[in-house]
Amino acid sequence: MASNNKLIAWIRIQELHKHLTTQLPFLLGTSIAWWFTGTLNWAVFAISVITVYLLTNACFISNEYFDYETDKINMERIGGDEVGVTTTGGTRVLVEGLLPRRQALIASIIFFFAAIPLGILLQFYFKTGVLTIPIGVLAGLMGFFYTAPPIRASYRGFGEAFLCIDNAVIPVFMGFYLQHGFSCWWLPLVVALPWIIHAPAMKIIREFPDYKEDLYVNKRNLVIIFGKEKMASVYILLTVCALILFIPVIFIVKGVVLLLLLLPAFFLLKSLIPAIKGEWKSKEGLDAVCRNGFIGMLFILVALIGIFLLGRLLSDFYPR
């Protein structure tokens, strides 16, 4: 029974459901590369997906380790006690003593180093390009130092910028780059602008329930620095921008496949409207804003991936 509980704890601390926030943008970049060229190196794709998993796991577990003091006093969790897409305050695996903290730190380091040979294989055997290892290392370091000293980005006011680059820009770019190199490198970034803009917006709004705890441990994120009122306005502005930035996709891909954009737009609006009304000031309202915003953010990626996959399959909608 004890071994089963420990296995469950190891599964919980990986936050596998949240791996979508790095795997889906990587899949988007790959989908755009296939749409643009009509070719896909499946070996590169498979190795890359595993590498993304390893780096993401390393970052999530290390963040759990270095956020221990904050998580220990965090009682006002979005989503209540159920761990889900909107949950704040970590998995609580370390807080509840289900795993020793030292083991978690060692596991995160093992995951980081396990990704290195795969990066070497991609760059030097599959010839995926000179940026393969440097950007992979950058992604790993940014994820680690998001909470780890001496940088501790999330404690010093630039955690949101780290998240935007590490979880949004890099995965999309690398999904394209590993398949297609530098040619038309700007295309995946333009397509992914709604995701790139809304990912840090979600980070901001999900910092609201942790305000007292973050203030207590001197975790100076943007909500602590500028206050909830101002950052609620920032969330609203960024969400509006995310909706507007669907427009470039309309000029890149034509046809009925664009109707898929209605799905993320629906949930983003369901998050935006109560945020504008100030309903984020109540716990129930904040739950709704975060839940719909998070679902909408993921559907941005799902919709865009669907558009470019279908765009390639339907011959009228891909570049010639």
C-alpha atoms as a PDB file:
ATOM      1  CA  MET A   1       0.000   0.000   0.000  1.00  0.00           C
ATOM      2  CA  ALA A   2       2.841   2.393   0.891  1.00  0.00           C
ATOM      3  CA  SER A   3       4.548   1.741  -2.448  1.00  0.00           C
ATOM      4  CA  ASN A   4       1.278   2.412  -4.277  1.00  0.00           C
ATOM      5  CA  ASN A   5       0.855   5.707  -2.429  1.00  0.00           C
ATOM      6  CA  LYS A   6       4.393   6.730  -3.340  1.00  0.00           C
ATOM      7  CA  LEU A   7       3.798   5.854  -6.994  1.00  0.00           C
ATOM      8  CA  ILE A   8       0.645   7.975  -6.993  1.00  0.00           C
ATOM      9  CA  ALA A   9       2.605  10.820  -5.404  1.00  0.00           C
ATOM     10  CA  TRP A  10       5.251  10.636  -8.137  1.00  0.00           C
ATOM     11  CA  ILE A  11       2.509  10.752 -10.771  1.00  0.00           C
ATOM     12  CA  ARG A  12       0.822  13.699  -9.049  1.00  0.00           C
ATOM     13  CA  ILE A  13       3.987  15.787  -8.772  1.00  0.00           C
ATOM     14  CA  GLN A  14       4.563  15.548 -12.527  1.00  0.00           C
ATOM     15  CA  GLU A  15       1.260  17.377 -13.194  1.00  0.00           C
ATOM     16  CA  LEU A  16       0.836  15.430 -16.424  1.00  0.00           C
ATOM     17  CA  HIS A  17      -2.353  17.306 -17.358  1.00  0.00           C
ATOM     18  CA  LYS A  18      -0.371  20.555 -17.400  1.00  0.00           C
ATOM     19  CA  HIS A  19       2.156  19.109 -19.859  1.00  0.00           C
ATOM     20  CA  LEU A  20      -0.388  20.188 -22.473  1.00  0.00           C
ATOM     21  CA  THR A  21       0.904  23.743 -21.991  1.00  0.00           C
ATOM     22  CA  THR A  22       4.245  22.750 -23.542  1.00  0.00           C
ATOM     23  CA  GLN A  23       3.333  19.762 -25.725  1.00  0.00           C
ATOM     24  CA  LEU A  24       0.476  21.506 -27.565  1.00  0.00           C
ATOM     25  CA  PRO A  25       2.514  24.585 -28.596  1.00  0.00           C
ATOM     26  CA  PHE A  26       5.260  22.241 -29.789  1.00  0.00           C
ATOM     27  CA  LEU A  27       2.661  20.299 -31.795  1.00  0.00           C
ATOM     28  CA  LEU A  28       1.412  23.585 -33.229  1.00  0.00           C
ATOM     29  CA  GLY A  29       4.873  24.479 -34.522  1.00  0.00           C
ATOM     30  CA  THR A  30       5.204  20.989 -36.001  1.00  0.00           C
ATOM     31  CA  SER A  31       1.755  21.218 -37.624  1.00  0.00           C
ATOM     32  CA  ILE A  32       2.651  24.531 -39.246  1.00  0.00           C
ATOM     33  CA  ALA A  33       5.906  23.025 -40.572  1.00  0.00           C
ATOM     34  CA  TRP A  34       3.984  20.110 -42.122  1.00  0.00           C
ATOM     35  CA  TRP A  35       1.363  22.476 -43.564  1.00  0.00           C
ATOM     36  CA  PHE A  36       4.103  24.643 -45.069  1.00  0.00           C
ATOM     37  CA  THR A  37       6.278  21.884 -46.542  1.00  0.00           C
ATOM     38  CA  GLY A  38       4.129  18.755 -46.794  1.00  0.00           C
ATOM     39  CA  THR A  39       6.901  16.708 -45.145  1.00  0.00           C
ATOM     40  CA  LEU A  40       7.494  15.518 -41.609  1.00  0.00           C
ATOM     41  CA  ASN A  41      10.443  13.694 -40.077  1.00  0.00           C
ATOM     42  CA  TRP A  42       8.679  11.308 -37.716  1.00  0.00           C
ATOM     43  CA  ALA A  43      11.838  10.229 -35.908  1.00  0.00           C
ATOM     44  CA  VAL A  44      12.721  13.843 -35.113  1.00  0.00           C
ATOM     45  CA  PHE A  45       9.140  14.441 -34.015  1.00  0.00           C
ATOM     46  CA  ALA A  46       9.066  11.423 -31.668  1.00  0.00           C
ATOM     47  CA  ILE A  47      12.428  12.220 -30.047  1.00  0.00           C
ATOM     48  CA  SER A  48      11.447  15.866 -29.695  1.00  0.00           C
ATOM     49  CA  VAL A  49       8.170  15.041 -27.942  1.00  0.00           C
ATOM     50  CA  ILE A  50      10.063  12.916 -25.419  1.00  0.00           C
ATOM     51  CA  THR A  51      12.591  15.714 -24.906  1.00  0.00           C
ATOM     52  CA  VAL A  52       9.826  18.254 -24.282  1.00  0.00           C
ATOM     53  CA  TYR A  53       8.290  15.871 -21.748  1.00  0.00           C
ATOM     54  CA  LEU A  54      11.592  15.448 -19.896  1.00  0.00           C
ATOM     55  CA  LEU A  55      12.312  19.190 -19.738  1.00  0.00           C
ATOM     56  CA  THR A  56       8.756  20.023 -18.692  1.00  0.00           C
ATOM     57  CA  ASN A  57       8.822  17.382 -15.978  1.00  0.00           C
ATOM     58  CA  ALA A  58      12.133  18.673 -14.686  1.00  0.00           C
ATOM     59  CA  CYS A  59      10.783  22.216 -14.512  1.00  0.00           C
ATOM     60  CA  PHE A  60       7.498  21.287 -12.834  1.00  0.00           C
ATOM     61  CA  ILE A  61       9.171  19.175 -10.152  1.00  0.00           C
ATOM     62  CA  SER A  62      11.905  21.725  -9.450  1.00  0.00           C
ATOM     63  CA  ASN A  63       9.280  24.481  -9.192  1.00  0.00           C
ATOM     64  CA  GLU A  64       7.404  22.323  -6.676  1.00  0.00           C
ATOM     65  CA  TYR A  65      10.615  21.991  -4.659  1.00  0.00           C
ATOM     66  CA  PHE A  66      11.540  25.675  -4.648  1.00  0.00           C
ATOM     67  CA  ASP A  67       7.942  26.858  -4.093  1.00  0.00           C
ATOM     68  CA  TYR A  68       7.612  24.695  -0.980  1.00  0.00           C
ATOM     69  CA  GLU A  69       7.376  27.566   1.523  1.00  0.00           C
ATOM     70  CA  THR A  70       4.705  29.358  -0.497  1.00  0.00           C
ATOM     71  CA  ASP A  71       2.680  26.213  -1.132  1.00  0.00           C
ATOM     72  CA  LYS A  72       2.849  25.284   2.547  1.00  0.00           C
ATOM     73  CA  ILE A  73       0.842  28.357   3.563  1.00  0.00           C
ATOM     74  CA  ASN A  74      -1.396  28.530   0.496  1.00  0.00           C
ATOM     75  CA  MET A  75      -4.922  27.717   1.625  1.00  0.00           C
ATOM     76  CA  GLU A  76      -6.982  29.744  -0.856  1.00  0.00           C
ATOM     77  CA  ARG A  77      -6.700  27.515  -3.902  1.00  0.00           C
ATOM     78  CA  ILE A  78      -8.509  28.038  -7.177  1.00  0.00           C
ATOM     79  CA  GLY A  79     -10.497  24.904  -7.834  1.00  0.00           C
ATOM     80  CA  GLY A  80     -10.629  23.897  -4.165  1.00  0.00           C
ATOM     81  CA  ASP A  81      -8.901  20.690  -3.107  1.00  0.00           C
ATOM     82  CA  GLU A  82      -9.279  18.995  -6.466  1.00  0.00           C
ATOM     83  CA  VAL A  83      -6.098  19.232  -8.534  1.00  0.00           C
ATOM     84  CA  GLY A  84      -7.059  20.300 -12.025  1.00  0.00           C
ATOM     85  CA  VAL A  85      -6.262  22.733 -14.811  1.00  0.00           C
ATOM     86  CA  THR A  86      -7.135  25.760 -12.702  1.00  0.00           C
ATOM     87  CA  THR A  87      -5.471  24.676  -9.446  1.00  0.00           C
ATOM     88  CA  THR A  88      -2.963  26.995  -7.787  1.00  0.00           C
ATOM     89  CA  GLY A  89      -0.658  26.248  -4.899  1.00  0.00           C
ATOM     90  CA  GLY A  90       1.134  23.291  -6.465  1.00  0.00           C
ATOM     91  CA  THR A  91       0.271  19.615  -6.163  1.00  0.00           C
ATOM     92  CA  ARG A  92       0.892  19.658  -2.372  1.00  0.00           C
ATOM     93  CA  VAL A  93       2.764  16.360  -2.656  1.00  0.00           C
ATOM     94  CA  LEU A  94       5.776  17.804  -0.830  1.00  0.00           C
ATOM     95  CA  VAL A  95       3.676  19.883   1.558  1.00  0.00           C
ATOM     96  CA  GLU A  96       1.773  16.780   2.630  1.00  0.00           C
ATOM     97  CA  GLY A  97       5.029  14.862   3.097  1.00  0.00           C
ATOM     98  CA  LEU A  98       4.141  12.233   0.499  1.00  0.00           C
ATOM     99  CA  LEU A  99       7.640  12.488  -0.975  1.00  0.00           C
ATOM    100  CA  PRO A 100      10.900  13.718   0.564  1.00  0.00           C
ATOM    101  CA  ARG A 101      11.860  17.129  -0.817  1.00  0.00           C
ATOM    102  CA  ARG A 102      15.413  15.986  -1.562  1.00  0.00           C
ATOM    103  CA  GLN A 103      14.117  13.142  -3.753  1.00  0.00           C
ATOM    104  CA  ALA A 104      12.035  15.616  -5.748  1.00  0.00           C
ATOM    105  CA  LEU A 105      15.047  17.857  -6.373  1.00  0.00           C
ATOM    106  CA  ILE A 106      17.182  14.865  -7.440  1.00  0.00           C
ATOM    107  CA  ALA A 107      14.404  13.674  -9.769  1.00  0.00           C
ATOM    108  CA  SER A 108      14.162  17.085 -11.436  1.00  0.00           C
ATOM    109  CA  ILE A 109      17.926  17.120 -12.066  1.00  0.00           C
ATOM    110  CA  ILE A 110      17.771  13.585 -13.506  1.00  0.00           C
ATOM    111  CA  PHE A 111      15.023  14.648 -15.913  1.00  0.00           C
ATOM    112  CA  PHE A 112      17.094  17.654 -17.021  1.00  0.00           C
ATOM    113  CA  PHE A 113      20.171  15.531 -17.744  1.00  0.00           C
ATOM    114  CA  ALA A 114      18.105  12.813 -19.446  1.00  0.00           C
ATOM    115  CA  ALA A 115      17.121  15.359 -22.104  1.00  0.00           C
ATOM    116  CA  ILE A 116      20.741  16.169 -23.021  1.00  0.00           C
ATOM    117  CA  PRO A 117      21.597  13.038 -25.072  1.00  0.00           C
ATOM    118  CA  LEU A 118      18.347  13.420 -26.999  1.00  0.00           C
ATOM    119  CA  GLY A 119      19.292  16.991 -27.881  1.00  0.00           C
ATOM    120  CA  ILE A 120      22.717  15.811 -29.037  1.00  0.00           C
ATOM    121  CA  LEU A 121      21.069  13.103 -31.142  1.00  0.00           C
ATOM    122  CA  LEU A 122      18.739  15.617 -32.779  1.00  0.00           C
ATOM    123  CA  GLN A 123      21.407  18.191 -33.585  1.00  0.00           C
ATOM    124  CA  PHE A 124      24.305  16.013 -34.671  1.00  0.00           C
ATOM    125  CA  TYR A 125      22.651  12.867 -36.036  1.00  0.00           C
ATOM    126  CA  PHE A 126      19.426  14.222 -37.475  1.00  0.00           C
ATOM    127  CA  LYS A 127      21.028  17.599 -38.361  1.00  0.00           C
ATOM    128  CA  THR A 128      18.125  19.636 -37.001  1.00  0.00           C
ATOM    129  CA  GLY A 129      20.172  22.832 -36.838  1.00  0.00           C
ATOM    130  CA  VAL A 130      22.687  24.740 -34.750  1.00  0.00           C
ATOM    131  CA  LEU A 131      20.028  26.159 -32.424  1.00  0.00           C
ATOM    132  CA  THR A 132      18.757  22.764 -31.260  1.00  0.00           C
ATOM    133  CA  ILE A 133      20.964  22.336 -28.193  1.00  0.00           C
ATOM    134  CA  PRO A 134      21.348  26.052 -27.279  1.00  0.00           C
ATOM    135  CA  ILE A 135      17.606  26.671 -27.266  1.00  0.00           C
ATOM    136  CA  GLY A 136      16.948  23.383 -25.487  1.00  0.00           C
ATOM    137  CA  VAL A 137      19.428  24.345 -22.772  1.00  0.00           C
ATOM    138  CA  LEU A 138      17.899  27.826 -22.576  1.00  0.00           C
ATOM    139  CA  ALA A 139      14.424  26.331 -22.150  1.00  0.00           C
ATOM    140  CA  GLY A 140      15.622  24.042 -19.373  1.00  0.00           C
ATOM    141  CA  LEU A 141      17.482  26.794 -17.524  1.00  0.00           C
ATOM    142  CA  MET A 142      14.574  29.228 -17.758  1.00  0.00           C
ATOM    143  CA  GLY A 143      12.211  26.601 -16.377  1.00  0.00           C
ATOM    144  CA  PHE A 144      14.596  25.737 -13.542  1.00  0.00           C
ATOM    145  CA  PHE A 145      15.474  29.301 -12.563  1.00  0.00           C
ATOM    146  CA  TYR A 146      11.838  30.315 -12.721  1.00  0.00           C
ATOM    147  CA  THR A 147      11.822  29.481  -8.997  1.00  0.00           C
ATOM    148  CA  ALA A 148      15.391  28.338  -8.256  1.00  0.00           C
ATOM    149  CA  PRO A 149      18.080  30.639  -6.827  1.00  0.00           C
ATOM    150  CA  PRO A 150      19.949  32.752  -7.615  1.00  0.00           C
ATOM    151  CA  ILE A 151      17.623  34.104 -10.319  1.00  0.00           C
ATOM    152  CA  ARG A 152      14.184  33.110  -8.895  1.00  0.00           C
ATOM    153  CA  ALA A 153      12.374  34.898 -11.718  1.00  0.00           C
ATOM    154  CA  SER A 154       8.878  34.370 -10.306  1.00  0.00           C
ATOM    155  CA  TYR A 155       9.971  36.005  -7.042  1.00  0.00           C
ATOM    156  CA  ARG A 156      11.492  39.086  -8.693  1.00  0.00           C
ATOM    157  CA  GLY A 157       8.878  40.420 -11.084  1.00  0.00           C
ATOM    158  CA  PHE A 158       9.826  38.725 -14.333  1.00  0.00           C
ATOM    159  CA  GLY A 159       8.369  35.261 -13.894  1.00  0.00           C
ATOM    160  CA  GLU A 160       5.580  36.102 -16.324  1.00  0.00           C
ATOM    161  CA  ALA A 161       8.158  37.016 -18.982  1.00  0.00           C
ATOM    162  CA  PHE A 162      10.029  33.755 -18.343  1.00  0.00           C
ATOM    163  CA  LEU A 163       6.787  31.810 -18.728  1.00  0.00           C
ATOM    164  CA  CYS A 164       5.896  33.623 -21.963  1.00  0.00           C
ATOM    165  CA  ILE A 165       9.249  32.779 -23.534  1.00  0.00           C
ATOM    166  CA  ASP A 166       9.698  29.286 -22.090  1.00  0.00           C
ATOM    167  CA  ASN A 167       6.137  27.934 -22.392  1.00  0.00           C
ATOM    168  CA  ALA A 168       4.897  29.876 -25.398  1.00  0.00           C
ATOM    169  CA  VAL A 169       7.573  31.216 -27.757  1.00  0.00           C
ATOM    170  CA  ILE A 170      10.208  28.456 -27.538  1.00  0.00           C
ATOM    171  CA  PRO A 171       7.962  25.357 -27.971  1.00  0.00           C
ATOM    172  CA  VAL A 172       6.158  26.811 -30.998  1.00  0.00           C
ATOM    173  CA  PHE A 173       9.365  27.978 -32.636  1.00  0.00           C
ATOM    174  CA  MET A 174      11.191  24.700 -31.971  1.00  0.00           C
ATOM    175  CA  GLY A 175       8.306  22.585 -33.269  1.00  0.00           C
ATOM    176  CA  PHE A 176       8.747  24.385 -36.597  1.00  0.00           C
ATOM    177  CA  TYR A 177      12.539  24.781 -36.512  1.00  0.00           C
ATOM    178  CA  LEU A 178      13.361  21.125 -35.866  1.00  0.00           C
ATOM    179  CA  GLN A 179      11.390  20.163 -38.970  1.00  0.00           C
ATOM    180  CA  HIS A 180      12.062  23.067 -41.297  1.00  0.00           C
ATOM    181  CA  GLY A 181      14.981  25.149 -40.025  1.00  0.00           C
ATOM    182  CA  PHE A 182      15.232  28.931 -40.384  1.00  0.00           C
ATOM    183  CA  SER A 183      13.122  29.224 -43.546  1.00  0.00           C
ATOM    184  CA  CYS A 184      10.002  31.263 -42.811  1.00  0.00           C
ATOM    185  CA  TRP A 185      10.825  31.087 -39.081  1.00  0.00           C
ATOM    186  CA  TRP A 186       8.458  33.987 -38.329  1.00  0.00           C
ATOM    187  CA  LEU A 187       5.365  32.079 -39.519  1.00  0.00           C
ATOM    188  CA  PRO A 188       4.783  29.927 -36.385  1.00  0.00           C
ATOM    189  CA  LEU A 189       5.341  32.927 -34.127  1.00  0.00           C
ATOM    190  CA  VAL A 190       2.780  35.051 -35.982  1.00  0.00           C
ATOM    191  CA  VAL A 191       0.244  32.218 -35.952  1.00  0.00           C
ATOM    192  CA  ALA A 192       0.842  31.568 -32.248  1.00  0.00           C
ATOM    193  CA  LEU A 193       0.468  35.212 -31.150  1.00  0.00           C
ATOM    194  CA  PRO A 194      -2.923  34.603 -29.457  1.00  0.00           C
ATOM    195  CA  TRP A 195      -1.329  31.844 -27.359  1.00  0.00           C
ATOM    196  CA  ILE A 196       1.858  33.835 -26.709  1.00  0.00           C
ATOM    197  CA  ILE A 197      -0.210  36.765 -25.443  1.00  0.00           C
ATOM    198  CA  HIS A 198      -2.749  34.815 -23.412  1.00  0.00           C
ATOM    199  CA  ALA A 199      -0.348  32.421 -21.641  1.00  0.00           C
ATOM    200  CA  PRO A 200       1.149  35.173 -19.419  1.00  0.00           C
ATOM    201  CA  ALA A 201      -2.346  36.640 -18.990  1.00  0.00           C
ATOM    202  CA  MET A 202      -3.461  33.351 -17.437  1.00  0.00           C
ATOM    203  CA  LYS A 203      -0.386  33.321 -15.236  1.00  0.00           C
ATOM    204  CA  ILE A 204      -1.333  36.771 -13.957  1.00  0.00           C
ATOM    205  CA  ILE A 205      -4.961  35.984 -13.140  1.00  0.00           C
ATOM    206  CA  ARG A 206      -3.998  32.708 -11.433  1.00  0.00           C
ATOM    207  CA  GLU A 207      -1.733  34.660  -9.085  1.00  0.00           C
ATOM    208  CA  PHE A 208      -4.724  36.437  -7.531  1.00  0.00           C
ATOM    209  CA  PRO A 209      -5.721  33.776  -4.950  1.00  0.00           C
ATOM    210  CA  ASP A 210      -2.090  33.416  -3.847  1.00  0.00           C
ATOM    211  CA  TYR A 211      -1.739  37.137  -3.115  1.00  0.00           C
ATOM    212  CA  LYS A 212      -1.475  36.954   0.695  1.00  0.00           C
ATOM    213  CA  GLU A 213       0.817  33.931   0.666  1.00  0.00           C
ATOM    214  CA  ASP A 214       3.082  35.391  -2.036  1.00  0.00           C
ATOM    215  CA  LEU A 215       3.271  38.668  -0.119  1.00  0.00           C
ATOM    216  CA  TYR A 216       4.160  36.811   3.070  1.00  0.00           C
ATOM    217  CA  VAL A 217       7.117  34.978   1.477  1.00  0.00           C
ATOM    218  CA  ASN A 218       8.143  38.065  -0.539  1.00  0.00           C
ATOM    219  CA  LYS A 219       7.309  36.485  -3.901  1.00  0.00           C
ATOM    220  CA  ARG A 220       7.171  39.694  -5.931  1.00  0.00           C
ATOM    221  CA  ASN A 221       5.241  38.768  -9.041  1.00  0.00           C
ATOM    222  CA  LEU A 222       3.386  41.412 -11.059  1.00  0.00           C
ATOM    223  CA  VAL A 223       0.212  41.094  -8.974  1.00  0.00           C
ATOM    224  CA  ILE A 224       2.182  41.814  -5.799  1.00  0.00           C
ATOM    225  CA  ILE A 225       4.066  44.709  -7.403  1.00  0.00           C
ATOM    226  CA  PHE A 226       1.125  46.466  -9.084  1.00  0.00           C
ATOM    227  CA  GLY A 227      -1.932  45.147  -7.232  1.00  0.00           C
ATOM    228  CA  LYS A 228      -4.991  43.158  -8.264  1.00  0.00           C
ATOM    229  CA  GLU A 229      -6.970  46.048  -9.741  1.00  0.00           C
ATOM    230  CA  LYS A 230      -4.294  47.047 -12.239  1.00  0.00           C
ATOM    231  CA  MET A 231      -3.422  43.480 -13.160  1.00  0.00           C
ATOM    232  CA  ALA A 232      -7.098  42.616 -13.681  1.00  0.00           C
ATOM    233  CA  SER A 233      -7.088  45.365 -16.312  1.00  0.00           C
ATOM    234  CA  VAL A 234      -3.927  43.862 -17.818  1.00  0.00           C
ATOM    235  CA  TYR A 235      -5.627  40.463 -17.985  1.00  0.00           C
ATOM    236  CA  ILE A 236      -8.603  41.993 -19.764  1.00  0.00           C
ATOM    237  CA  LEU A 237      -6.345  43.870 -22.210  1.00  0.00           C
ATOM    238  CA  LEU A 238      -4.240  40.804 -23.020  1.00  0.00           C
ATOM    239  CA  THR A 239      -7.344  38.635 -23.518  1.00  0.00           C
ATOM    240  CA  VAL A 240      -8.805  41.193 -25.921  1.00  0.00           C
ATOM    241  CA  CYS A 241      -5.473  41.271 -27.781  1.00  0.00           C
ATOM    242  CA  ALA A 242      -5.473  37.468 -27.978  1.00  0.00           C
ATOM    243  CA  LEU A 243      -8.896  37.563 -29.639  1.00  0.00           C
ATOM    244  CA  ILE A 244      -7.796  40.268 -32.093  1.00  0.00           C
ATOM    245  CA  LEU A 245      -4.634  38.340 -32.973  1.00  0.00           C
ATOM    246  CA  PHE A 246      -6.689  35.556 -34.522  1.00  0.00           C
ATOM    247  CA  ILE A 247      -6.989  37.891 -37.532  1.00  0.00           C
ATOM    248  CA  PRO A 248      -3.546  37.115 -39.084  1.00  0.00           C
ATOM    249  CA  VAL A 249      -4.498  33.429 -39.257  1.00  0.00           C
ATOM    250  CA  ILE A 250      -7.467  34.359 -41.468  1.00  0.00           C
ATOM    251  CA  PHE A 251      -5.047  35.789 -44.040  1.00  0.00           C
ATOM    252  CA  ILE A 252      -2.710  32.788 -43.874  1.00  0.00           C
ATOM    253  CA  VAL A 253      -5.224  29.935 -44.119  1.00  0.00           C
ATOM    254  CA  LYS A 254      -8.518  30.124 -46.015  1.00  0.00           C
ATOM    255  CA  GLY A 255     -11.718  28.146 -45.823  1.00  0.00           C
ATOM    256  CA  VAL A 256     -14.190  26.586 -43.413  1.00  0.00           C
ATOM    257  CA  VAL A 257     -11.396  25.271 -41.198  1.00  0.00           C
ATOM    258  CA  LEU A 258     -11.221  28.767 -39.712  1.00  0.00           C
ATOM    259  CA  LEU A 259     -14.527  28.082 -37.947  1.00  0.00           C
ATOM    260  CA  LEU A 260     -12.437  26.199 -35.374  1.00  0.00           C
ATOM    261  CA  LEU A 261     -11.386  29.602 -34.021  1.00  0.00           C
ATOM    262  CA  LEU A 262     -14.902  30.044 -32.644  1.00  0.00           C
ATOM    263  CA  LEU A 263     -14.145  27.436 -29.980  1.00  0.00           C
ATOM    264  CA  PRO A 264     -11.354  29.305 -28.157  1.00  0.00           C
ATOM    265  CA  ALA A 265     -13.106  32.622 -28.802  1.00  0.00           C
ATOM    266  CA  PHE A 266     -16.202  31.340 -26.964  1.00  0.00           C
ATOM    267  CA  PHE A 267     -14.289  30.396 -23.806  1.00  0.00           C
ATOM    268  CA  LEU A 268     -12.083  33.491 -23.877  1.00  0.00           C
ATOM    269  CA  LEU A 269     -15.223  35.633 -23.986  1.00  0.00           C
ATOM    270  CA  LYS A 270     -16.704  33.592 -21.125  1.00  0.00           C
ATOM    271  CA  SER A 271     -13.609  34.522 -19.145  1.00  0.00           C
ATOM    272  CA  LEU A 272     -13.385  38.101 -20.382  1.00  0.00           C
ATOM    273  CA  ILE A 273     -16.953  39.254 -19.701  1.00  0.00           C
ATOM    274  CA  PRO A 274     -17.045  38.420 -15.966  1.00  0.00           C
ATOM    275  CA  ALA A 275     -13.520  39.845 -15.635  1.00  0.00           C
ATOM    276  CA  ILE A 276     -14.742  43.142 -17.114  1.00  0.00           C
ATOM    277  CA  LYS A 277     -17.688  43.087 -14.706  1.00  0.00           C
ATOM    278  CA  GLY A 278     -15.287  42.748 -11.778  1.00  0.00           C
ATOM    279  CA  GLU A 279     -16.539  39.310 -10.788  1.00  0.00           C
ATOM    280  CA  TRP A 280     -12.926  38.257 -10.164  1.00  0.00           C
ATOM    281  CA  LYS A 281     -13.272  39.954  -6.761  1.00  0.00           C
ATOM    282  CA  SER A 282     -15.258  36.980  -5.448  1.00  0.00           C
ATOM    283  CA  LYS A 283     -13.827  33.474  -5.150  1.00  0.00           C
ATOM    284  CA  GLU A 284     -16.603  31.989  -7.301  1.00  0.00           C
ATOM    285  CA  GLY A 285     -16.138  34.667  -9.950  1.00  0.00           C
ATOM    286  CA  LEU A 286     -12.364  34.209  -9.984  1.00  0.00           C
ATOM    287  CA  ASP A 287     -12.842  30.443 -10.330  1.00  0.00           C
ATOM    288  CA  ALA A 288     -15.029  31.045 -13.403  1.00  0.00           C
ATOM    289  CA  VAL A 289     -12.633  33.564 -14.959  1.00  0.00           C
ATOM    290  CA  CYS A 290      -9.665  31.222 -14.485  1.00  0.00           C
ATOM    291  CA  ARG A 291     -11.484  28.065 -15.553  1.00  0.00           C
ATOM    292  CA  ASN A 292     -12.845  29.502 -18.795  1.00  0.00           C
ATOM    293  CA  GLY A 293      -9.641  31.395 -19.505  1.00  0.00           C
ATOM    294  CA  PHE A 294      -7.532  28.259 -19.093  1.00  0.00           C
ATOM    295  CA  ILE A 295      -9.855  26.171 -21.268  1.00  0.00           C
ATOM    296  CA  GLY A 296      -9.896  28.936 -23.874  1.00  0.00           C
ATOM    297  CA  MET A 297      -6.099  29.157 -23.787  1.00  0.00           C
ATOM    298  CA  LEU A 298      -5.763  25.430 -24.473  1.00  0.00           C
ATOM    299  CA  PHE A 299      -8.400  25.584 -27.206  1.00  0.00           C
ATOM    300  CA  ILE A 300      -6.350  28.304 -28.916  1.00  0.00           C
ATOM    301  CA  LEU A 301      -3.716  25.642 -29.492  1.00  0.00           C
ATOM    302  CA  VAL A 302      -6.184  22.856 -30.313  1.00  0.00           C
ATOM    303  CA  ALA A 303      -7.986  25.056 -32.847  1.00  0.00           C
ATOM    304  CA  LEU A 304      -4.796  26.261 -34.538  1.00  0.00           C
ATOM    305  CA  ILE A 305      -3.374  22.732 -34.713  1.00  0.00           C
ATOM    306  CA  GLY A 306      -6.651  21.542 -36.248  1.00  0.00           C
ATOM    307  CA  ILE A 307      -6.654  24.392 -38.762  1.00  0.00           C
ATOM    308  CA  PHE A 308      -3.157  23.623 -40.056  1.00  0.00           C
ATOM    309  CA  LEU A 309      -3.589  19.857 -40.074  1.00  0.00           C
ATOM    310  CA  LEU A 310      -6.875  20.126 -41.964  1.00  0.00           C
ATOM    311  CA  GLY A 311      -5.405  22.882 -44.118  1.00  0.00           C
ATOM    312  CA  ARG A 312      -2.752  20.455 -45.336  1.00  0.00           C
ATOM    313  CA  LEU A 313      -5.227  17.625 -45.843  1.00  0.00           C
ATOM    314  CA  LEU A 314      -7.590  19.876 -47.819  1.00  0.00           C
ATOM    315  CA  SER A 315      -5.472  20.808 -50.807  1.00  0.00           C
ATOM    316  CA  ASP A 316      -7.048  24.212 -51.410  1.00  0.00           C
ATOM    317  CA  PHE A 317      -5.739  25.637 -48.132  1.00  0.00           C
ATOM    318  CA  TYR A 318      -2.013  25.077 -48.111  1.00  0.00           C
ATOM    319  CA  PRO A 319       0.803  27.106 -49.748  1.00  0.00           C
ATOM    320  CA  ARG A 320       1.955  26.045 -53.183  1.00  0.00           C
END
